[in-house]
């Protein structure tokens, strides 16, 4: 297949960026022809005018629409797969693909389409106030970047594109990572028949480790929603076992100051290359995922399974679904340092149980998250939307009315915009573009 991948990289690279790169590599290794259209948030200037333009683009970007149509005409892919599109690509790129008759796949790595903040979290707690309802709570609480102005732009994007049907009609298939996420998106208004659950996988197999390093590992962004502060509190109650914290983020300086009371039992190693993270996982006694937000499907979780490492995770959202307590590790209540410490102590109390958990985690990886399974499931989704698109074109060609429209002189408003000089392009209006 010829596949066009589209993604915007965040300023601080995270799990979404890693999974985009992983899937791109997976498809290329399998022999598919992959073309990638990549942007970076560093391209957004710090000047107020540039930020204002980026904000307007988030709602419906005419430059992105025009660029996507040109790219699609040049590449002629079988399918276009979007990852992150906020704020530069915008939903206008979906419409460009539909007009070029290229089926659209969108992976929902976060909850942006039902939550302006993207995390379903407020005041350090899970929040579903906007799911399936109006978006007023997000505006009141300034849920995106703690800014009412920035939140208003995100709310505007969602309301405009809901009104014109972008999310219901311009995307052929949404990939969601867990059943938990699928249920939330259906409640939020996305069409259930276009949502398919497909977990992330790894592009390569690091192989199982030995777990003989006698330390616990946290690997991730050092931010409030990841639960790193609670982890440090819990470590006062976990006797003896050292903790290695790999990662960076806005809370790092504060966390390092707090960790001084724990002496050499806590070691910060900063952001590490993936190869080094995997080495640490293979040696670790366990990996801790203390998230206090609704995670999608953490790459750290899959990598821990691949290494056969037991997992201690908060029982929250998808993390409660992905693993079974006592089978793949232990669960603990989110934001509960006492409960976390007790669960970790229970996990380590019986070495024979830990050995069995390592084997089961490795088996789960091979069954569900291996490179072969990740490729198989992704190819199946692509073939499905390509097949549906081909059937739709056949039905359209068989219709005399449709043929007349396709071959006659009439062209759509979008096509007229495409042929205008750049300074004459007008942004679409909901009534004119409504499906």
Protein backbone atom coordinates (compact mmCIF):
# COMPACT_ATOMS: atom_id res chain seq x y z
CA UNK A 1 0.00 0.00 0.00
CA UNK A 2 0.96 3.61 -0.43
CA UNK A 3 0.29 5.37 2.89
CA UNK A 4 0.44 9.04 3.78
CA UNK A 5 1.11 9.66 7.48
CA UNK A 6 0.39 13.08 9.01
CA UNK A 7 1.57 14.25 12.43
CA UNK A 8 2.45 17.38 14.41
CA UNK A 9 5.26 16.92 16.93
CA UNK A 10 4.90 18.52 20.35
CA UNK A 11 7.50 20.89 21.77
CA UNK A 12 8.33 18.33 24.44
CA UNK A 13 8.35 14.93 22.77
CA UNK A 14 5.99 12.41 24.32
CA UNK A 15 4.19 9.12 23.78
CA UNK A 16 2.19 10.30 20.74
CA UNK A 17 5.37 11.32 18.94
CA UNK A 18 7.04 8.01 19.81
CA UNK A 19 4.12 5.95 18.54
CA UNK A 20 3.91 7.92 15.29
CA UNK A 21 7.61 7.26 14.62
CA UNK A 22 7.22 3.61 15.63
CA UNK A 23 4.31 2.96 13.26
CA UNK A 24 6.06 4.77 10.42
CA UNK A 25 9.08 2.50 10.86
CA UNK A 26 6.89 -0.60 11.21
CA UNK A 27 5.12 0.10 7.91
CA UNK A 28 8.35 0.86 6.05
CA UNK A 29 9.99 -2.34 7.24
CA UNK A 30 6.97 -4.28 5.99
CA UNK A 31 7.57 -2.93 2.47
CA UNK A 32 4.76 -0.39 2.27
CA UNK A 33 5.45 2.89 0.50
CA UNK A 34 5.22 5.47 3.27
CA UNK A 35 5.17 9.22 2.77
CA UNK A 36 5.07 11.34 5.91
CA UNK A 37 3.90 14.93 6.30
CA UNK A 38 5.37 16.16 9.59
CA UNK A 39 5.12 19.50 11.35
CA UNK A 40 6.57 20.67 14.66
CA UNK A 41 5.14 23.00 17.26
CA UNK A 42 8.50 24.79 17.38
CA UNK A 43 7.38 26.33 14.08
CA UNK A 44 4.77 28.38 15.97
CA UNK A 45 6.44 31.71 16.69
CA UNK A 46 6.24 33.25 20.15
CA UNK A 47 4.98 36.54 18.73
CA UNK A 48 1.34 37.42 19.62
CA UNK A 49 0.34 37.75 15.96
CA UNK A 50 1.80 34.36 15.06
CA UNK A 51 0.07 32.72 17.99
CA UNK A 52 -3.21 34.36 16.98
CA UNK A 53 -2.83 32.97 13.45
CA UNK A 54 -2.08 29.50 14.83
CA UNK A 55 -5.19 29.74 16.99
CA UNK A 56 -7.36 30.60 13.99
CA UNK A 57 -5.77 27.77 12.03
CA UNK A 58 -6.82 25.30 14.72
CA UNK A 59 -10.48 25.90 13.89
CA UNK A 60 -10.13 25.47 10.11
CA UNK A 61 -6.82 26.05 8.36
CA UNK A 62 -7.18 27.16 4.74
CA UNK A 63 -3.39 26.90 4.11
CA UNK A 64 -3.41 23.35 5.49
CA UNK A 65 -6.42 22.45 3.35
CA UNK A 66 -4.73 23.74 0.21
CA UNK A 67 -1.39 22.10 1.05
CA UNK A 68 -3.08 18.77 1.78
CA UNK A 69 -4.93 18.75 -1.53
CA UNK A 70 -1.71 19.49 -3.40
CA UNK A 71 0.14 16.76 -1.50
CA UNK A 72 -2.60 14.19 -2.08
CA UNK A 73 -2.70 14.94 -5.80
CA UNK A 74 1.07 14.52 -6.02
CA UNK A 75 1.38 11.37 -3.86
CA UNK A 76 -1.98 9.69 -4.62
CA UNK A 77 -1.90 7.44 -1.55
CA UNK A 78 -4.28 4.57 -0.92
CA UNK A 79 -5.02 5.94 2.56
CA UNK A 80 -4.07 8.92 4.72
CA UNK A 81 -3.52 8.30 8.44
CA UNK A 82 -3.59 11.28 10.79
CA UNK A 83 -2.09 11.30 14.27
CA UNK A 84 -1.89 14.72 15.96
CA UNK A 85 -3.55 17.53 13.93
CA UNK A 86 -3.79 20.29 16.58
CA UNK A 87 -3.39 23.17 15.93
CA UNK A 88 -1.63 23.47 12.56
CA UNK A 89 -3.18 20.76 10.38
CA UNK A 90 -6.76 21.21 11.60
CA UNK A 91 -9.86 19.26 10.49
CA UNK A 92 -9.73 21.01 7.11
CA UNK A 93 -7.21 18.35 6.08
CA UNK A 94 -9.88 15.65 6.49
CA UNK A 95 -12.09 17.49 4.01
CA UNK A 96 -9.20 17.82 1.58
CA UNK A 97 -8.70 14.05 1.67
CA UNK A 98 -12.38 13.32 1.18
CA UNK A 99 -12.55 15.62 -1.85
CA UNK A 100 -9.54 13.81 -3.28
CA UNK A 101 -11.32 10.49 -2.57
CA UNK A 102 -8.63 9.22 -0.23
CA UNK A 103 -9.96 7.36 2.85
CA UNK A 104 -9.10 8.93 6.20
CA UNK A 105 -7.90 7.18 9.37
CA UNK A 106 -7.37 9.13 12.61
CA UNK A 107 -5.70 7.72 15.73
CA UNK A 108 -7.10 9.29 18.90
CA UNK A 109 -4.06 9.38 21.16
CA UNK A 110 -5.75 11.78 23.60
CA UNK A 111 -9.27 13.03 24.38
CA UNK A 112 -9.13 16.37 22.51
CA UNK A 113 -12.31 15.72 20.50
CA UNK A 114 -14.41 15.46 23.68
CA UNK A 115 -12.33 17.54 26.10
CA UNK A 116 -10.74 20.90 25.21
CA UNK A 117 -7.92 20.17 27.66
CA UNK A 118 -7.27 16.81 26.01
CA UNK A 119 -6.74 14.88 29.26
CA UNK A 120 -10.20 14.64 30.85
CA UNK A 121 -8.65 16.09 33.99
CA UNK A 122 -9.25 19.16 36.15
CA UNK A 123 -7.76 20.15 39.50
CA UNK A 124 -5.58 17.02 39.42
CA UNK A 125 -8.64 14.77 39.19
CA UNK A 126 -10.39 12.98 36.32
CA UNK A 127 -13.17 15.11 34.89
CA UNK A 128 -15.95 14.16 32.44
CA UNK A 129 -18.04 17.34 32.75
CA UNK A 130 -17.92 18.09 29.01
CA UNK A 131 -18.38 14.53 27.71
CA UNK A 132 -21.66 14.34 25.81
CA UNK A 133 -22.69 17.79 27.02
CA UNK A 134 -21.90 21.39 26.15
CA UNK A 135 -18.38 22.69 26.61
CA UNK A 136 -19.23 25.44 29.08
CA UNK A 137 -17.35 23.85 32.00
CA UNK A 138 -14.10 23.94 30.02
CA UNK A 139 -14.49 27.67 29.41
CA UNK A 140 -15.36 28.39 33.03
CA UNK A 141 -12.35 26.50 34.33
CA UNK A 142 -9.90 27.48 31.53
CA UNK A 143 -9.06 23.83 30.96
CA UNK A 144 -6.61 24.28 28.08
CA UNK A 145 -3.30 25.65 29.35
CA UNK A 146 -5.15 27.38 32.19
CA UNK A 147 -6.08 30.14 29.72
CA UNK A 148 -9.64 31.15 28.89
CA UNK A 149 -8.51 32.64 25.57
CA UNK A 150 -6.70 29.45 24.54
CA UNK A 151 -9.60 27.33 25.78
CA UNK A 152 -12.05 29.45 23.78
CA UNK A 153 -10.10 28.67 20.60
CA UNK A 154 -10.21 24.94 21.30
CA UNK A 155 -13.91 25.08 22.13
CA UNK A 156 -14.49 27.03 18.92
CA UNK A 157 -12.68 24.35 16.92
CA UNK A 158 -14.80 21.60 18.43
CA UNK A 159 -18.13 23.42 18.05
CA UNK A 160 -17.46 24.57 14.48
CA UNK A 161 -16.41 21.14 13.28
CA UNK A 162 -19.19 19.37 15.12
CA UNK A 163 -21.66 21.71 13.42
CA UNK A 164 -20.29 21.07 9.94
CA UNK A 165 -19.93 17.33 10.46
CA UNK A 166 -16.15 17.08 10.21
CA UNK A 167 -15.87 14.47 12.93
CA UNK A 168 -18.90 12.41 11.87
CA UNK A 169 -18.48 12.42 8.09
CA UNK A 170 -14.91 13.31 7.09
CA UNK A 171 -13.14 10.51 8.98
CA UNK A 172 -13.66 6.95 7.74
CA UNK A 173 -12.17 5.21 10.77
CA UNK A 174 -11.06 6.29 14.21
CA UNK A 175 -8.49 4.16 16.00
CA UNK A 176 -8.90 4.19 19.77
CA UNK A 177 -6.46 2.46 22.06
CA UNK A 178 -8.75 0.83 24.62
CA UNK A 179 -12.37 -0.15 25.22
CA UNK A 180 -12.43 2.44 28.00
CA UNK A 181 -11.58 5.20 25.52
CA UNK A 182 -14.07 3.90 22.96
CA UNK A 183 -16.94 4.14 25.44
CA UNK A 184 -16.01 7.73 26.29
CA UNK A 185 -15.81 8.81 22.64
CA UNK A 186 -19.18 7.25 21.87
CA UNK A 187 -20.69 9.14 24.80
CA UNK A 188 -19.00 12.25 23.42
CA UNK A 189 -20.80 11.92 20.09
CA UNK A 190 -18.42 10.15 17.72
CA UNK A 191 -20.10 7.51 15.52
CA UNK A 192 -19.74 4.09 17.14
CA UNK A 193 -19.51 2.29 13.79
CA UNK A 194 -16.37 4.24 12.87
CA UNK A 195 -14.48 3.54 16.09
CA UNK A 196 -12.20 0.52 16.23
CA UNK A 197 -10.11 -0.55 19.23
CA UNK A 198 -6.52 -1.16 18.28
CA UNK A 199 -3.81 -0.94 20.94
CA UNK A 200 -0.42 0.53 20.26
CA UNK A 201 2.36 -1.94 19.61
CA UNK A 202 6.14 -1.79 19.42
CA UNK A 203 8.16 -1.57 16.20
CA UNK A 204 10.71 -4.01 17.60
CA UNK A 205 11.03 -6.56 20.38
CA UNK A 206 13.56 -5.65 23.09
CA UNK A 207 13.42 -9.17 24.52
CA UNK A 208 12.79 -10.22 28.12
CA UNK A 209 15.04 -9.11 30.94
CA UNK A 210 16.21 -10.75 34.14
CA UNK A 211 14.87 -8.29 36.70
CA UNK A 212 18.02 -8.68 38.79
CA UNK A 213 18.72 -4.96 39.24
CA UNK A 214 16.86 -4.69 42.57
CA UNK A 215 15.26 -1.31 41.89
CA UNK A 216 11.91 0.13 40.81
CA UNK A 217 11.62 2.28 37.68
CA UNK A 218 9.46 5.27 36.78
CA UNK A 219 9.90 6.36 33.15
CA UNK A 220 7.85 9.26 31.91
CA UNK A 221 7.09 12.95 31.91
CA UNK A 222 7.57 14.65 35.28
CA UNK A 223 4.25 16.46 35.36
CA UNK A 224 1.35 16.66 37.74
CA UNK A 225 -0.98 14.25 35.96
CA UNK A 226 1.65 11.47 35.83
CA UNK A 227 1.60 11.04 39.62
CA UNK A 228 5.34 11.44 40.23
CA UNK A 229 4.79 13.53 43.39
CA UNK A 230 2.57 10.82 44.87
CA UNK A 231 5.23 8.26 43.94
CA UNK A 232 7.82 10.07 46.05
CA UNK A 233 5.43 10.21 49.00
CA UNK A 234 4.83 6.50 48.67
CA UNK A 235 8.56 5.78 48.65
CA UNK A 236 8.86 6.90 52.28
CA UNK A 237 6.69 3.83 52.99
CA UNK A 238 8.53 1.37 50.71
CA UNK A 239 11.45 0.08 52.76
CA UNK A 240 14.78 -0.66 51.15
CA UNK A 241 13.98 -0.73 47.44
CA UNK A 242 15.75 2.01 45.42
CA UNK A 243 13.79 4.04 42.87
CA UNK A 244 15.14 5.24 39.51
CA UNK A 245 13.25 8.14 37.88
CA UNK A 246 13.91 8.55 34.15
CA UNK A 247 12.37 11.53 32.41
CA UNK A 248 12.03 15.27 32.48
CA UNK A 249 9.28 17.82 32.80
CA UNK A 250 8.02 20.90 34.63
CA UNK A 251 8.11 19.28 38.09
CA UNK A 252 11.63 17.94 37.96
CA UNK A 253 13.29 20.60 40.14
CA UNK A 254 10.54 20.37 42.76
CA UNK A 255 10.65 16.57 42.80
CA UNK A 256 14.43 16.51 43.16
CA UNK A 257 14.14 18.85 46.15
CA UNK A 258 11.53 16.58 47.75
CA UNK A 259 13.61 13.50 47.11
CA UNK A 260 16.53 14.78 49.16
CA UNK A 261 14.84 13.43 52.29
CA UNK A 262 15.09 9.93 50.78
CA UNK A 263 18.85 10.17 50.27
CA UNK A 264 20.39 7.78 47.77
CA UNK A 265 17.24 5.63 47.62
CA UNK A 266 15.95 7.84 44.76
CA UNK A 267 18.04 8.60 41.68
CA UNK A 268 17.04 10.98 38.87
CA UNK A 269 18.68 10.10 35.56
CA UNK A 270 16.84 12.60 33.32
CA UNK A 271 15.57 11.96 29.82
CA UNK A 272 17.20 8.86 28.34
CA UNK A 273 17.36 7.29 24.88
CA UNK A 274 14.83 4.54 24.35
CA UNK A 275 17.55 1.88 24.27
CA UNK A 276 18.69 2.91 27.75
CA UNK A 277 15.11 2.94 29.08
CA UNK A 278 14.65 -0.61 27.83
CA UNK A 279 17.90 -1.69 29.52
CA UNK A 280 16.64 -0.23 32.79
CA UNK A 281 13.29 -2.01 32.38
CA UNK A 282 14.94 -5.33 31.72
CA UNK A 283 16.88 -5.00 34.98
CA UNK A 284 14.13 -3.46 37.15
CA UNK A 285 12.21 -5.38 39.76
CA UNK A 286 9.07 -3.52 38.70
CA UNK A 287 7.84 -0.53 36.70
CA UNK A 288 5.56 1.96 38.44
CA UNK A 289 2.77 3.80 36.57
CA UNK A 290 1.20 6.12 39.16
CA UNK A 291 -0.88 8.17 36.68
CA UNK A 292 -3.63 10.39 38.05
CA UNK A 293 -5.22 11.03 34.66
CA UNK A 294 -6.98 8.87 32.09
CA UNK A 295 -4.06 7.47 30.15
CA UNK A 296 -4.46 6.35 26.56
CA UNK A 297 -2.14 3.38 26.32
CA UNK A 298 1.27 4.28 27.77
CA UNK A 299 4.27 3.15 25.74
CA UNK A 300 5.94 2.43 29.09
CA UNK A 301 3.24 -0.15 29.84
CA UNK A 302 3.84 -2.03 26.58
CA UNK A 303 7.62 -1.87 26.95
CA UNK A 304 7.37 -3.26 30.48
CA UNK A 305 5.35 -6.21 29.16
CA UNK A 306 7.93 -6.79 26.42
CA UNK A 307 10.69 -6.90 29.03
CA UNK A 308 8.61 -9.20 31.24
CA UNK A 309 8.73 -6.67 34.06
CA UNK A 310 5.97 -6.65 36.71
CA UNK A 311 3.86 -3.47 36.75
CA UNK A 312 2.43 -1.47 39.64
CA UNK A 313 -0.24 0.84 38.20
CA UNK A 314 -3.03 3.07 39.44
CA UNK A 315 -6.48 1.57 38.98
CA UNK A 316 -7.78 4.39 36.82
CA UNK A 317 -9.31 4.51 33.36
CA UNK A 318 -7.61 2.30 30.81
CA UNK A 319 -4.91 1.21 33.28
CA UNK A 320 -7.65 -0.61 35.17
CA UNK A 321 -8.59 -2.43 31.96
CA UNK A 322 -5.18 -3.28 30.52
CA UNK A 323 -3.84 -5.47 33.33
CA UNK A 324 -5.22 -7.85 35.93
CA UNK A 325 -4.25 -7.38 39.56
CA UNK A 326 -2.13 -10.30 40.74
CA UNK A 327 -1.66 -11.59 37.18
CA UNK A 328 0.44 -8.90 35.50
CA UNK A 329 1.37 -6.90 38.60
CA UNK A 330 -0.64 -4.91 41.14
CA UNK A 331 -3.16 -2.08 41.12
CA UNK A 332 -3.49 0.68 43.69
CA UNK A 333 -5.93 3.58 44.09
CA UNK A 334 -4.84 6.72 42.20
CA UNK A 335 -3.26 9.54 44.23
CA UNK A 336 -2.96 7.27 47.27
CA UNK A 337 0.67 6.94 48.46
CA UNK A 338 -0.25 4.56 51.28
CA UNK A 339 -2.15 2.28 48.93
CA UNK A 340 0.68 2.42 46.41
CA UNK A 341 3.27 1.41 48.99
CA UNK A 342 1.11 -1.44 50.27
CA UNK A 343 0.53 -2.79 46.74
CA UNK A 344 4.25 -2.71 45.92
CA UNK A 345 5.09 -4.47 49.18
CA UNK A 346 2.49 -7.14 48.35
CA UNK A 347 3.98 -7.62 44.88
CA UNK A 348 7.52 -8.11 46.16
CA UNK A 349 6.61 -10.30 49.13
CA UNK A 350 6.66 -13.55 47.16
CA UNK A 351 9.52 -14.03 44.65
CA UNK A 352 7.85 -17.06 43.03
CA UNK A 353 4.81 -14.92 42.18
CA UNK A 354 7.09 -12.33 40.61
CA UNK A 355 8.68 -15.02 38.42
CA UNK A 356 5.24 -16.14 37.23
CA UNK A 357 4.21 -12.54 36.53
CA UNK A 358 7.30 -12.00 34.39
CA UNK A 359 6.36 -14.97 32.21
CA UNK A 360 2.73 -13.87 31.89
CA UNK A 361 3.68 -10.31 30.97
CA UNK A 362 6.00 -11.51 28.26
CA UNK A 363 3.27 -13.81 26.88
CA UNK A 364 0.75 -10.94 26.84
CA UNK A 365 3.17 -8.80 24.86
CA UNK A 366 3.75 -11.52 22.27
CA UNK A 367 0.01 -12.08 21.85
CA UNK A 368 -1.26 -8.51 21.71
CA UNK A 369 1.49 -5.90 21.39
CA UNK A 370 4.28 -7.49 19.34
CA UNK A 371 5.51 -5.89 16.10
CA UNK A 372 3.81 -8.63 14.06
CA UNK A 373 0.44 -8.05 15.74
CA UNK A 374 0.77 -4.26 15.52
CA UNK A 375 1.41 -4.52 11.78
CA UNK A 376 -1.37 -7.04 11.17
CA UNK A 377 -4.02 -4.96 12.95
CA UNK A 378 -2.98 -1.71 11.25
CA UNK A 379 -2.95 -3.28 7.79
CA UNK A 380 -6.42 -4.72 8.43
CA UNK A 381 -7.81 -1.26 9.22
CA UNK A 382 -6.24 0.25 6.11
CA UNK A 383 -7.61 -2.53 3.88
CA UNK A 384 -11.06 -2.09 5.38
CA UNK A 385 -11.30 1.65 4.65
CA UNK A 386 -9.68 1.26 1.22
CA UNK A 387 -12.23 -1.44 0.35
CA UNK A 388 -15.14 0.65 1.58
CA UNK A 389 -13.87 3.65 -0.35
CA UNK A 390 -13.56 1.61 -3.56
CA UNK A 391 -17.14 0.33 -3.13
CA UNK A 392 -18.36 3.88 -2.59
CA UNK A 393 -16.65 5.05 -5.77
CA UNK A 394 -18.19 2.16 -7.70
CA UNK A 395 -21.69 3.01 -6.48
CA UNK A 396 -21.10 6.67 -7.30
CA UNK A 397 -19.92 5.84 -10.81
CA UNK A 398 -22.99 3.65 -11.36
CA UNK A 399 -25.34 6.54 -10.53
CA UNK A 400 -26.21 8.70 -13.58
CA UNK A 401 -26.70 11.76 -11.39
CA UNK A 402 -23.41 11.22 -9.59
CA UNK A 403 -21.59 10.71 -12.89
CA UNK A 404 -22.99 13.92 -14.28
CA UNK A 405 -21.87 15.86 -11.27
CA UNK A 406 -18.42 14.28 -11.33
CA UNK A 407 -17.79 14.79 -15.02
CA UNK A 408 -19.72 17.98 -15.73
CA UNK A 409 -18.56 21.56 -15.43
CA UNK A 410 -19.97 22.11 -11.93
CA UNK A 411 -17.36 22.16 -9.19
CA UNK A 412 -17.67 22.38 -5.44
CA UNK A 413 -17.07 25.56 -3.43
CA UNK A 414 -13.96 23.90 -2.01
CA UNK A 415 -12.60 23.28 -5.52
CA UNK A 416 -13.29 26.88 -6.50
CA UNK A 417 -11.30 27.99 -3.46
CA UNK A 418 -8.47 25.65 -4.46
CA UNK A 419 -8.23 27.30 -7.87
CA UNK A 420 -8.32 30.88 -6.60
CA UNK A 421 -5.19 32.90 -5.95
CA UNK A 422 -4.10 32.49 -2.33
CA UNK A 423 -5.25 35.96 -1.28
CA UNK A 424 -8.77 35.27 -2.54
CA UNK A 425 -9.41 32.09 -0.51
CA UNK A 426 -12.25 32.55 1.94
CA UNK A 427 -12.64 30.37 5.04
CA UNK A 428 -15.62 28.01 4.84
CA UNK A 429 -18.91 28.73 6.60
CA UNK A 430 -20.76 25.99 8.49
CA UNK A 431 -23.97 26.23 6.43
CA UNK A 432 -22.14 26.09 3.10
CA UNK A 433 -20.00 23.09 4.02
CA UNK A 434 -22.46 21.15 6.12
CA UNK A 435 -22.75 17.52 5.04
